Amino acid sequence: MTEPNPVPFWFLRHGETDWNARMLSQGRVDIPLNPVGLAQAGRAAEALVGKGIRTIHSSTLGRARVTAEVVAARLNLPVTFDENLVECAFGVQEGQEMSDWFTDWVAGRSTPEGAEPFADLRERAVNAINHATAQPGPVLVVAHGALWRAFRQAAGLPANIRTPNALPLWVEPPDAPGEGWRMTPAELGR
């Protein structure tokens, strides 16, 4: 299993979509940001001003792409789009309510028909974030909730934790053996 690069970086889950608001699994369905999500992206951009970000890597799915573009415009930086940062396919569960199937999938007990196994997602997530953090930093990675759960698992943290939409997280590797990764949310303005 690939291990995360021991490099600090910023992570930003995309802004809200109508499906997020309804607790529906999106997966690869390209649902756009809703007005709340666009406003969240703007607040995230303001929160990231002055953080020294030098490189932005984003999923190619529209909800992450637009979130990254809003931030990039405010920071006056280009965005590198990476297909490997896209959300996983949830197969037959795309568009369905989040329920017990999701917990079983994260735990590796079952994979919905047509979905990407969680272990495969974990490997892809770590490789994609490692590729991003190998670039000049601090790096901002803009991606998705399940992909972030997979990274959290690889970093030795509880995986099945819902990350709020468009809340920038400063992610730091352990300082010493036996310590865990740290994730500190940025202060968001109103």
Protein backbone atom coordinates (compact mmCIF):
# COMPACT_ATOMS: atom_id res chain seq x y z
CA MET A 1 0.00 0.00 0.00
CA THR A 2 1.29 3.46 -0.93
CA GLU A 3 1.96 5.78 2.01
CA PRO A 4 1.17 9.51 1.97
CA ASN A 5 4.11 11.86 1.34
CA PRO A 6 5.08 13.40 4.70
CA VAL A 7 4.40 16.88 3.31
CA PRO A 8 1.94 19.44 4.68
CA PHE A 9 -0.73 20.68 2.27
CA TRP A 10 -4.16 22.26 2.04
CA PHE A 11 -7.23 20.15 1.23
CA LEU A 12 -10.56 21.57 0.11
CA ARG A 13 -13.67 19.52 -0.55
CA HIS A 14 -15.81 21.11 -3.26
CA GLY A 15 -18.71 23.43 -2.43
CA GLU A 16 -22.24 22.16 -1.90
CA THR A 17 -24.42 20.70 -4.65
CA ASP A 18 -28.15 19.99 -4.55
CA TRP A 19 -27.32 16.29 -4.12
CA ASN A 20 -25.08 17.08 -1.11
CA ALA A 21 -27.96 19.02 0.44
CA ARG A 22 -30.24 16.01 -0.07
CA MET A 23 -27.59 13.51 1.21
CA LEU A 24 -27.46 11.67 -2.12
CA SER A 25 -24.30 9.90 -3.26
CA GLN A 26 -22.85 11.64 -6.31
CA GLY A 27 -19.84 9.61 -7.31
CA ARG A 28 -18.97 10.32 -10.92
CA VAL A 29 -22.29 12.04 -11.71
CA ASP A 30 -21.25 15.60 -12.54
CA ILE A 31 -23.65 17.59 -10.36
CA PRO A 32 -22.92 21.36 -10.41
CA LEU A 33 -22.46 23.61 -7.40
CA ASN A 34 -25.66 25.20 -6.16
CA PRO A 35 -25.79 28.88 -5.05
CA VAL A 36 -24.76 27.88 -1.51
CA GLY A 37 -21.78 25.98 -2.95
CA LEU A 38 -20.66 28.95 -5.03
CA ALA A 39 -20.83 31.20 -1.95
CA GLN A 40 -18.88 28.57 0.04
CA ALA A 41 -16.18 28.52 -2.64
CA GLY A 42 -15.87 32.30 -2.37
CA ARG A 43 -15.53 32.14 1.44
CA ALA A 44 -12.92 29.39 1.10
CA ALA A 45 -10.98 31.52 -1.39
CA GLU A 46 -10.93 34.44 1.06
CA ALA A 47 -9.81 32.14 3.88
CA LEU A 48 -6.88 30.92 1.76
CA VAL A 49 -5.55 34.41 0.96
CA GLY A 50 -2.12 34.87 2.52
CA LYS A 51 -1.54 31.16 3.17
CA GLY A 52 1.37 31.01 0.72
CA ILE A 53 -0.29 28.52 -1.63
CA ARG A 54 1.85 28.11 -4.74
CA THR A 55 0.15 25.24 -6.58
CA ILE A 56 -3.49 24.13 -6.98
CA HIS A 57 -4.45 20.61 -8.08
CA SER A 58 -8.10 19.74 -8.68
CA SER A 59 -10.42 16.98 -9.73
CA THR A 60 -11.84 17.43 -13.22
CA LEU A 61 -15.47 16.97 -12.08
CA GLY A 62 -17.38 20.25 -12.34
CA ARG A 63 -18.17 20.71 -8.63
CA ALA A 64 -14.47 20.51 -7.73
CA ARG A 65 -13.28 22.28 -10.89
CA VAL A 66 -15.48 25.33 -10.27
CA THR A 67 -14.52 25.44 -6.58
CA ALA A 68 -10.83 25.35 -7.57
CA GLU A 69 -11.33 28.02 -10.23
CA VAL A 70 -13.00 30.38 -7.74
CA VAL A 71 -10.07 29.96 -5.35
CA ALA A 72 -7.49 30.20 -8.14
CA ALA A 73 -9.00 33.46 -9.42
CA ARG A 74 -8.75 34.99 -5.93
CA LEU A 75 -5.17 33.73 -5.44
CA ASN A 76 -4.15 34.57 -9.01
CA LEU A 77 -2.86 31.04 -9.63
CA PRO A 78 -3.44 28.47 -12.38
CA VAL A 79 -5.10 25.13 -11.66
CA THR A 80 -3.69 21.76 -12.65
CA PHE A 81 -6.54 19.31 -13.29
CA ASP A 82 -5.95 15.66 -12.44
CA GLU A 83 -8.34 12.85 -13.44
CA ASN A 84 -6.95 10.79 -10.56
CA LEU A 85 -8.51 13.23 -8.06
CA VAL A 86 -12.07 12.57 -9.31
CA GLU A 87 -14.59 11.06 -6.96
CA CYS A 88 -14.95 7.30 -7.03
CA ALA A 89 -17.73 5.60 -8.93
CA PHE A 90 -20.50 4.45 -6.60
CA GLY A 91 -22.07 2.26 -9.29
CA VAL A 92 -25.72 1.44 -8.63
CA GLN A 93 -25.68 3.67 -5.53
CA GLU A 94 -25.10 6.90 -7.47
CA GLY A 95 -28.07 9.19 -6.89
CA GLN A 96 -29.25 7.08 -3.94
CA GLU A 97 -29.41 8.14 -0.29
CA MET A 98 -26.31 7.64 1.79
CA SER A 99 -27.06 4.71 4.11
CA ASP A 100 -25.55 1.54 5.57
CA TRP A 101 -24.12 0.52 2.21
CA PHE A 102 -21.65 3.41 2.50
CA THR A 103 -20.33 2.34 5.90
CA ASP A 104 -19.91 -1.25 4.64
CA TRP A 105 -18.12 0.02 1.52
CA VAL A 106 -15.66 2.18 3.52
CA ALA A 107 -14.99 -0.77 5.84
CA GLY A 108 -14.25 -2.98 2.83
CA ARG A 109 -17.10 -5.39 3.65
CA SER A 110 -18.92 -4.88 0.34
CA THR A 111 -18.71 -2.94 -2.90
CA PRO A 112 -21.87 -1.87 -4.74
CA GLU A 113 -22.26 -3.23 -8.26
CA GLY A 114 -20.25 -1.06 -10.65
CA ALA A 115 -18.47 0.82 -7.84
CA GLU A 116 -14.76 1.28 -7.24
CA PRO A 117 -13.60 -0.80 -4.26
CA PHE A 118 -12.57 1.39 -1.31
CA ALA A 119 -9.06 -0.16 -1.24
CA ASP A 120 -8.58 0.83 -4.90
CA LEU A 121 -9.82 4.35 -4.15
CA ARG A 122 -7.38 4.60 -1.23
CA GLU A 123 -4.44 3.69 -3.46
CA ARG A 124 -5.56 6.13 -6.18
CA ALA A 125 -6.20 8.95 -3.67
CA VAL A 126 -2.79 8.63 -2.04
CA ASN A 127 -1.01 8.44 -5.40
CA ALA A 128 -2.87 11.51 -6.71
CA ILE A 129 -2.24 13.56 -3.55
CA ASN A 130 1.40 12.42 -3.48
CA HIS A 131 1.74 13.60 -7.09
CA ALA A 132 0.24 16.97 -6.14
CA THR A 133 2.38 17.42 -3.01
CA ALA A 134 5.53 16.71 -5.02
CA GLN A 135 4.92 20.09 -6.73
CA PRO A 136 6.03 23.46 -5.28
CA GLY A 137 4.15 24.02 -2.06
CA PRO A 138 2.20 24.72 -0.11
CA VAL A 139 -0.17 22.86 -2.43
CA LEU A 140 -3.96 23.08 -2.40
CA VAL A 141 -5.80 19.89 -3.39
CA VAL A 142 -9.47 20.37 -4.36
CA ALA A 143 -11.40 17.11 -4.51
CA HIS A 144 -14.22 15.04 -3.01
CA GLY A 145 -15.55 13.54 0.21
CA ALA A 146 -15.09 9.82 -0.41
CA LEU A 147 -11.65 10.39 -1.91
CA TRP A 148 -10.76 12.31 1.25
CA ARG A 149 -12.08 9.47 3.43
CA ALA A 150 -9.72 7.14 1.58
CA PHE A 151 -6.76 9.46 2.20
CA ARG A 152 -7.72 9.72 5.88
CA GLN A 153 -7.64 5.93 6.15
CA ALA A 154 -4.20 5.78 4.53
CA ALA A 155 -3.04 8.46 6.98
CA GLY A 156 -4.14 6.27 9.91
CA LEU A 157 -7.16 8.41 10.81
CA PRO A 158 -10.82 7.39 11.11
CA ALA A 159 -12.04 7.16 7.53
CA ASN A 160 -15.80 7.50 7.68
CA ILE A 161 -15.88 11.15 8.79
CA ARG A 162 -17.93 13.62 6.74
CA THR A 163 -15.81 16.60 5.72
CA PRO A 164 -17.82 19.83 5.40
CA ASN A 165 -18.17 21.32 1.94
CA ALA A 166 -15.61 24.02 1.11
CA LEU A 167 -13.87 24.09 4.50
CA PRO A 168 -10.11 24.42 3.86
CA LEU A 169 -8.07 22.01 5.95
CA TRP A 170 -4.36 22.43 6.71
CA VAL A 171 -3.08 18.85 6.68
CA GLU A 172 0.19 18.08 8.49
CA PRO A 173 2.11 14.81 8.71
CA PRO A 174 3.21 13.41 12.07
CA ASP A 175 6.15 15.12 13.76
CA ALA A 176 7.37 11.88 15.32
CA PRO A 177 6.71 8.13 15.10
CA GLY A 178 3.48 7.14 16.80
CA GLU A 179 1.88 10.53 16.27
CA GLY A 180 -0.95 10.99 13.79
CA TRP A 181 -1.64 13.37 10.95
CA ARG A 182 -3.23 16.67 11.99
CA MET A 183 -5.99 18.51 10.15
CA THR A 184 -6.71 22.10 11.14
CA PRO A 185 -9.67 23.95 9.58
CA ALA A 186 -9.08 27.46 8.27
CA GLU A 187 -11.05 30.34 9.77
CA LEU A 188 -13.97 31.18 7.46
CA GLY A 189 -15.41 34.67 7.31
CA ARG A 190 -19.15 35.23 7.29
